[in-house]
């Protein structure tokens, strides 16, 4: 059911973004790529200047792309091709040259720009983004074009940006504004999904005799006691962290399964994570305790027990600080079982995935 919910809402999000691309493409003015192409005997240069920027209006934010053409002589049309998600220059070029309406699995939109005959700068603003993490994180690929006679000139490169990427870059470069804070508040500064492309490997050896085993890429490893990164009952993608505690552990109060970061993250205010348990007997639920450290794990603070876990996936929010962001943060997850050792009849299985770190207070 959770998967259906996620698919349904992602379809809705993509629908709104597509509407933003298709209906609310607007003009404006700066982006980076340079290409020199011979056309009708003279050199035409299309320049997309570095990066993208956010255009703030009273009611919404727009993602602004800018380009420059060195001459309008013989140019009958110019503008942008736009598509959701990341696409290579080869894929974009092939789709455009074959007059395709799709690149990958996404709609390819052609947006001619109307400007003055001698206006060498042309720009595009995509507005009406839903105020949603998925929408702000969705990548958008843009390529500039110009038509001279029957020849279409394309940029030698594409650019791919999301409104979240741009907001983060602007904020890190020192720009300020309430609208940047609002965007960055729902964009994770770090997202760990425990997949193979992040350097994690499936391992079904869960028992470690209560000695930590390391999982993940060098310099970003997780220490896991009585558990592993596994495909079994994974929440999203192929892999999730699975913590286990076995009936053979008669010292549950003092020795538990846990997962802890073996590195630190700066500028953290709160964390979101997905979790579920896999105990078949729902009358014997068990929980997850989350805590953080800023002294390399010597002490753990702000312990919070999430005691409503069941076998359905849910996203939980763990607040580290309401008013400031902290540096050198490590996060730890522990199994908590409310059933005493005598009455336990099952092994504990706790699944954790999609851990996201944020820098500002969460927006309700």
Protein backbone atom coordinates (compact mmCIF):
# COMPACT_ATOMS: atom_id res chain seq x y z
CA UNK A 1 0.00 0.00 0.00
CA UNK A 2 2.87 2.35 0.86
CA UNK A 3 4.43 1.74 -2.55
CA UNK A 4 1.11 2.54 -4.25
CA UNK A 5 0.87 5.72 -2.16
CA UNK A 6 4.39 6.76 -3.18
CA UNK A 7 3.72 6.02 -6.87
CA UNK A 8 0.42 7.91 -6.76
CA UNK A 9 1.99 10.99 -5.20
CA UNK A 10 5.04 10.93 -7.47
CA UNK A 11 2.67 10.82 -10.45
CA UNK A 12 0.83 13.82 -9.04
CA UNK A 13 4.11 15.67 -8.45
CA UNK A 14 5.35 14.92 -11.97
CA UNK A 15 1.97 16.05 -13.31
CA UNK A 16 2.34 19.42 -11.59
CA UNK A 17 5.92 19.84 -12.74
CA UNK A 18 4.95 18.95 -16.29
CA UNK A 19 2.25 21.61 -16.12
CA UNK A 20 4.86 24.06 -14.88
CA UNK A 21 7.08 23.17 -17.82
CA UNK A 22 4.32 23.13 -20.41
CA UNK A 23 2.17 26.04 -19.30
CA UNK A 24 4.32 28.40 -17.23
CA UNK A 25 7.47 28.73 -19.32
CA UNK A 26 8.21 32.45 -19.23
CA UNK A 27 10.82 34.94 -20.42
CA UNK A 28 13.49 36.61 -18.32
CA UNK A 29 17.53 37.38 -18.18
CA UNK A 30 21.91 34.63 -17.24
CA UNK A 31 23.53 30.30 -17.92
CA UNK A 32 26.88 28.25 -18.96
CA UNK A 33 27.78 26.39 -22.07
CA UNK A 34 29.50 27.53 -25.21
CA UNK A 35 29.26 25.99 -28.64
CA UNK A 36 30.63 27.15 -31.96
CA UNK A 37 28.82 25.77 -35.00
CA UNK A 38 29.25 26.58 -38.68
CA UNK A 39 25.92 27.54 -40.27
CA UNK A 40 25.24 29.21 -43.64
CA UNK A 41 28.88 30.16 -43.96
CA UNK A 42 29.29 32.06 -40.68
CA UNK A 43 30.06 31.01 -37.12
CA UNK A 44 27.12 31.05 -34.70
CA UNK A 45 27.89 30.85 -30.98
CA UNK A 46 25.26 29.98 -28.41
CA UNK A 47 26.30 30.55 -24.80
CA UNK A 48 24.43 29.30 -21.75
CA UNK A 49 25.96 31.16 -18.81
CA UNK A 50 27.07 29.42 -15.58
CA UNK A 51 24.43 27.60 -13.66
CA UNK A 52 20.86 28.62 -13.11
CA UNK A 53 19.25 31.02 -10.70
CA UNK A 54 15.97 31.44 -8.89
CA UNK A 55 13.61 34.19 -9.95
CA UNK A 56 11.51 35.29 -6.97
CA UNK A 57 8.03 36.67 -7.59
CA UNK A 58 5.41 37.68 -5.01
CA UNK A 59 3.58 34.36 -5.31
CA UNK A 60 6.13 31.75 -6.34
CA UNK A 61 9.74 30.90 -7.20
CA UNK A 62 10.92 30.30 -10.75
CA UNK A 63 13.97 28.45 -12.02
CA UNK A 64 15.66 30.79 -14.47
CA UNK A 65 17.88 29.79 -17.40
CA UNK A 66 19.67 32.34 -19.61
CA UNK A 67 21.45 32.15 -22.92
CA UNK A 68 23.21 34.38 -25.40
CA UNK A 69 23.62 34.17 -29.15
CA UNK A 70 26.43 36.13 -30.77
CA UNK A 71 24.38 37.21 -33.81
CA UNK A 72 20.77 37.15 -34.93
CA UNK A 73 21.65 37.47 -38.61
CA UNK A 74 19.79 34.74 -40.46
CA UNK A 75 18.32 33.36 -37.23
CA UNK A 76 14.59 32.75 -37.65
CA UNK A 77 13.96 31.14 -34.26
CA UNK A 78 15.78 30.52 -31.01
CA UNK A 79 14.90 29.16 -27.58
CA UNK A 80 15.23 26.09 -25.39
CA UNK A 81 14.38 22.42 -25.32
CA UNK A 82 13.39 21.26 -21.82
CA UNK A 83 12.83 17.82 -20.25
CA UNK A 84 12.35 16.43 -16.77
CA UNK A 85 15.18 14.39 -15.25
CA UNK A 86 18.83 14.17 -16.29
CA UNK A 87 19.65 13.49 -19.93
CA UNK A 88 22.91 13.40 -21.86
CA UNK A 89 23.74 15.67 -24.77
CA UNK A 90 23.67 12.60 -27.00
CA UNK A 91 20.15 11.63 -25.96
CA UNK A 92 18.84 15.19 -26.22
CA UNK A 93 20.46 15.71 -29.63
CA UNK A 94 19.13 12.41 -30.98
CA UNK A 95 15.61 13.18 -29.81
CA UNK A 96 15.64 16.71 -31.26
CA UNK A 97 17.16 15.71 -34.60
CA UNK A 98 14.60 12.93 -35.00
CA UNK A 99 11.72 15.24 -34.07
CA UNK A 100 10.84 12.99 -31.13
CA UNK A 101 8.42 14.19 -28.49
CA UNK A 102 9.99 11.99 -25.79
CA UNK A 103 13.52 11.77 -24.42
CA UNK A 104 14.03 8.77 -22.17
CA UNK A 105 10.58 8.45 -20.61
CA UNK A 106 9.95 12.18 -20.37
CA UNK A 107 8.17 14.73 -22.51
CA UNK A 108 10.54 16.89 -24.58
CA UNK A 109 9.24 20.44 -24.73
CA UNK A 110 10.35 23.00 -27.29
CA UNK A 111 10.00 26.60 -26.11
CA UNK A 112 10.76 29.31 -28.71
CA UNK A 113 11.67 32.65 -27.19
CA UNK A 114 10.17 35.85 -28.58
CA UNK A 115 12.57 38.77 -28.28
CA UNK A 116 13.67 41.85 -30.18
CA UNK A 117 15.44 41.45 -33.51
CA UNK A 118 18.73 42.70 -32.06
CA UNK A 119 18.32 41.12 -28.62
CA UNK A 120 21.19 38.67 -28.18
CA UNK A 121 20.13 37.53 -24.69
CA UNK A 122 17.23 35.19 -24.22
CA UNK A 123 15.95 33.57 -21.07
CA UNK A 124 13.51 31.09 -19.65
CA UNK A 125 11.78 30.88 -16.27
CA UNK A 126 9.95 27.77 -15.14
CA UNK A 127 7.49 28.62 -12.37
CA UNK A 128 4.67 27.16 -10.27
CA UNK A 129 6.73 24.41 -8.65
CA UNK A 130 4.72 22.57 -6.00
CA UNK A 131 6.11 23.25 -2.52
CA UNK A 132 7.29 19.71 -2.12
CA UNK A 133 10.64 18.00 -1.59
CA UNK A 134 10.24 15.71 -4.59
CA UNK A 135 9.31 18.62 -6.84
CA UNK A 136 12.23 20.75 -5.65
CA UNK A 137 14.63 17.83 -6.10
CA UNK A 138 13.42 16.88 -9.59
CA UNK A 139 16.15 17.49 -12.13
CA UNK A 140 15.40 19.53 -15.26
CA UNK A 141 17.60 19.32 -18.37
CA UNK A 142 17.86 22.30 -20.72
CA UNK A 143 19.59 22.82 -24.08
CA UNK A 144 19.57 26.03 -26.12
CA UNK A 145 18.92 26.11 -29.86
CA UNK A 146 18.80 28.48 -32.82
CA UNK A 147 17.41 27.94 -36.32
CA UNK A 148 19.25 29.35 -39.35
CA UNK A 149 17.50 28.51 -42.60
CA UNK A 150 16.80 24.79 -42.36
CA UNK A 151 19.64 24.14 -39.91
CA UNK A 152 19.00 23.77 -36.15
CA UNK A 153 22.04 24.66 -34.06
CA UNK A 154 22.25 23.07 -30.61
CA UNK A 155 24.50 23.71 -27.65
CA UNK A 156 27.46 21.38 -27.41
CA UNK A 157 26.42 20.58 -23.84
CA UNK A 158 23.28 20.38 -21.74
CA UNK A 159 22.74 21.57 -18.21
CA UNK A 160 20.77 19.74 -15.56
CA UNK A 161 19.57 21.49 -12.43
CA UNK A 162 16.85 21.28 -9.81
CA UNK A 163 15.42 24.22 -7.93
CA UNK A 164 16.80 22.62 -4.76
CA UNK A 165 20.35 22.43 -6.18
CA UNK A 166 20.23 26.08 -7.17
CA UNK A 167 18.80 27.23 -3.83
CA UNK A 168 21.51 25.36 -1.91
CA UNK A 169 24.27 26.80 -4.12
CA UNK A 170 22.89 30.32 -3.75
CA UNK A 171 22.68 29.98 0.03
CA UNK A 172 26.18 28.50 0.29
CA UNK A 173 27.54 31.41 -1.77
CA UNK A 174 26.19 33.86 0.81
CA UNK A 175 22.89 34.90 -0.70
CA UNK A 176 20.02 35.29 1.74
CA UNK A 177 16.27 35.57 1.64
CA UNK A 178 13.18 34.05 3.20
CA UNK A 179 12.36 32.27 -0.04
CA UNK A 180 15.76 30.53 -0.02
CA UNK A 181 15.23 29.47 3.60
CA UNK A 182 11.82 28.04 2.72
CA UNK A 183 13.21 26.06 -0.21
CA UNK A 184 16.28 24.80 1.63
CA UNK A 185 14.17 23.82 4.64
CA UNK A 186 12.61 20.98 2.65
CA UNK A 187 15.69 19.99 0.64
CA UNK A 188 17.97 17.43 2.32
CA UNK A 189 21.66 18.34 2.54
CA UNK A 190 22.44 14.61 2.63
CA UNK A 191 20.38 11.61 1.53
CA UNK A 192 21.48 8.06 2.28
CA UNK A 193 19.49 5.32 0.54
CA UNK A 194 21.98 2.47 1.16
CA UNK A 195 22.04 1.42 -2.49
CA UNK A 196 24.91 -0.13 -4.46
CA UNK A 197 25.61 3.11 -6.36
CA UNK A 198 26.40 4.66 -2.97
CA UNK A 199 28.90 1.93 -2.18
CA UNK A 200 26.75 -0.42 -0.08
CA UNK A 201 26.76 -4.19 -0.60
CA UNK A 202 24.05 -6.76 0.16
CA UNK A 203 25.04 -8.97 3.10
CA UNK A 204 22.78 -11.49 4.83
CA UNK A 205 25.17 -12.17 7.68
CA UNK A 206 23.25 -10.42 10.46
CA UNK A 207 24.75 -11.85 13.63
CA UNK A 208 28.02 -10.24 14.67
CA UNK A 209 28.18 -11.48 18.28
CA UNK A 210 27.57 -7.86 19.27
CA UNK A 211 30.70 -6.56 17.58
CA UNK A 212 30.28 -3.73 15.06
CA UNK A 213 30.76 -4.54 11.38
CA UNK A 214 31.33 -1.75 8.88
CA UNK A 215 29.13 -1.22 5.83
CA UNK A 216 29.30 1.35 3.04
CA UNK A 217 31.89 3.34 1.13
CA UNK A 218 35.22 4.47 2.52
CA UNK A 219 34.91 7.64 4.65
CA UNK A 220 31.11 7.25 4.84
CA UNK A 221 30.70 3.92 6.59
CA UNK A 222 28.10 2.74 9.08
CA UNK A 223 28.91 0.54 12.08
CA UNK A 224 26.17 -2.07 12.50
CA UNK A 225 25.82 -4.43 15.44
CA UNK A 226 23.52 -7.45 14.92
CA UNK A 227 22.35 -6.43 11.48
CA UNK A 228 23.42 -5.66 7.95
CA UNK A 229 22.63 -3.79 4.75
CA UNK A 230 20.33 -6.28 3.10
CA UNK A 231 17.80 -6.93 0.33
CA UNK A 232 15.54 -8.77 2.76
CA UNK A 233 12.33 -6.79 3.32
CA UNK A 234 13.97 -3.67 1.87
CA UNK A 235 11.82 -0.53 2.10
CA UNK A 236 12.87 1.24 -1.11
CA UNK A 237 15.20 0.31 -3.94
CA UNK A 238 17.13 -2.90 -3.40
CA UNK A 239 18.83 -2.37 -0.03
CA UNK A 240 17.97 -1.15 3.47
CA UNK A 241 19.55 -1.40 6.90
CA UNK A 242 18.12 -4.36 8.81
CA UNK A 243 18.72 -4.62 12.54
CA UNK A 244 17.98 -7.85 14.35
CA UNK A 245 17.87 -9.03 17.89
CA UNK A 246 17.55 -12.70 18.58
CA UNK A 247 15.79 -14.71 21.27
CA UNK A 248 19.22 -16.08 22.19
CA UNK A 249 20.13 -12.62 23.49
CA UNK A 250 19.18 -12.86 27.16
CA UNK A 251 20.68 -9.46 27.97
CA UNK A 252 18.40 -7.33 25.81
CA UNK A 253 18.29 -4.51 28.36
CA UNK A 254 22.05 -3.99 28.17
CA UNK A 255 23.03 -5.33 24.72
CA UNK A 256 20.98 -4.34 21.69
CA UNK A 257 21.27 -4.16 17.92
CA UNK A 258 22.14 -0.73 16.57
CA UNK A 259 23.43 1.20 13.55
CA UNK A 260 25.61 4.29 13.87
CA UNK A 261 27.37 6.60 11.44
CA UNK A 262 31.16 6.28 11.43
CA UNK A 263 31.53 9.82 10.04
CA UNK A 264 29.98 13.21 10.72
CA UNK A 265 27.80 15.73 8.89
CA UNK A 266 27.82 19.49 9.47
CA UNK A 267 25.01 22.03 9.58
CA UNK A 268 22.29 19.59 10.65
CA UNK A 269 19.03 20.62 12.31
CA UNK A 270 16.80 17.57 11.85
CA UNK A 271 16.66 14.14 10.25
CA UNK A 272 13.94 12.18 8.44
CA UNK A 273 14.01 8.43 8.00
CA UNK A 274 11.74 5.60 6.85
CA UNK A 275 11.26 2.63 9.15
CA UNK A 276 9.11 -0.43 9.76
CA UNK A 277 9.30 -3.63 11.75
CA UNK A 278 8.75 -7.12 10.43
CA UNK A 279 7.46 -8.89 13.51
CA UNK A 280 4.54 -11.06 12.51
CA UNK A 281 2.86 -10.95 15.90
CA UNK A 282 1.71 -7.35 15.99
CA UNK A 283 0.76 -7.61 19.66
CA UNK A 284 4.49 -7.64 20.41
CA UNK A 285 5.68 -4.46 18.77
CA UNK A 286 9.14 -3.07 19.18
CA UNK A 287 10.49 0.41 18.61
CA UNK A 288 13.47 2.42 17.43
CA UNK A 289 15.45 4.83 19.57
CA UNK A 290 17.29 7.66 17.80
CA UNK A 291 20.02 9.80 19.31
CA UNK A 292 22.83 12.05 18.11
CA UNK A 293 26.41 12.81 19.09
CA UNK A 294 28.68 15.78 18.41
CA UNK A 295 31.72 14.35 20.21
CA UNK A 296 32.47 11.39 17.93
CA UNK A 297 30.16 9.03 19.77
CA UNK A 298 31.53 9.53 23.27
CA UNK A 299 28.11 10.70 24.47
CA UNK A 300 24.64 10.47 22.93
CA UNK A 301 22.04 13.17 23.36
CA UNK A 302 18.33 13.80 22.88
CA UNK A 303 17.27 10.16 22.91
CA UNK A 304 13.83 9.78 21.32
CA UNK A 305 11.88 6.54 21.13
CA UNK A 306 9.53 6.17 18.16
CA UNK A 307 7.00 3.78 19.66
CA UNK A 308 4.37 3.58 16.93
CA UNK A 309 6.31 1.45 14.46
CA UNK A 310 4.51 -1.43 12.80
CA UNK A 311 4.97 -3.45 9.61
CA UNK A 312 3.90 -0.53 7.40
CA UNK A 313 6.52 1.93 6.19
CA UNK A 314 6.29 5.42 7.66
CA UNK A 315 8.52 8.49 7.50
CA UNK A 316 9.63 9.82 10.89
CA UNK A 317 11.20 13.15 11.85
CA UNK A 318 13.89 13.40 14.52
CA UNK A 319 14.65 16.97 15.59
CA UNK A 320 18.19 17.67 16.72
CA UNK A 321 17.79 21.40 17.34
CA UNK A 322 14.83 23.74 16.94
CA UNK A 323 16.83 26.94 16.57
CA UNK A 324 20.34 26.23 15.27
CA UNK A 325 22.11 23.74 13.01
CA UNK A 326 24.89 21.68 14.58
CA UNK A 327 28.22 20.47 13.17
CA UNK A 328 30.01 17.14 13.65
CA UNK A 329 26.73 15.26 13.91
CA UNK A 330 26.48 11.47 14.10
CA UNK A 331 23.16 9.63 14.21
CA UNK A 332 22.48 6.33 15.97
CA UNK A 333 19.50 3.93 15.70
CA UNK A 334 18.83 1.32 18.42
CA UNK A 335 16.20 -1.42 18.67
CA UNK A 336 13.96 -0.98 21.70
CA UNK A 337 11.74 -3.90 22.69
CA UNK A 338 9.06 -3.29 25.35
CA UNK A 339 8.68 -7.01 25.94
CA UNK A 340 10.90 -8.45 28.67
CA UNK A 341 13.25 -11.32 27.93
CA UNK A 342 11.01 -13.93 29.56
CA UNK A 343 7.97 -13.09 27.42
CA UNK A 344 9.69 -12.56 24.09
CA UNK A 345 8.59 -15.12 21.51
CA UNK A 346 10.14 -13.76 18.31
CA UNK A 347 13.35 -12.30 16.94
CA UNK A 348 13.29 -8.53 16.40
CA UNK A 349 13.64 -7.19 12.86
CA UNK A 350 13.83 -3.44 12.27
CA UNK A 351 14.21 -1.97 8.76
CA UNK A 352 15.57 1.56 8.20
CA UNK A 353 16.03 3.40 4.90
CA UNK A 354 16.17 6.78 3.15
CA UNK A 355 17.84 8.79 5.92
CA UNK A 356 17.81 12.50 5.06
CA UNK A 357 19.60 15.32 6.85
CA UNK A 358 18.25 18.88 6.80
CA UNK A 359 19.73 22.20 7.84
CA UNK A 360 16.73 24.24 9.01
CA UNK A 361 13.68 23.68 11.16
CA UNK A 362 11.05 21.54 9.44
CA UNK A 363 8.08 23.34 7.87
CA UNK A 364 4.79 21.89 9.12
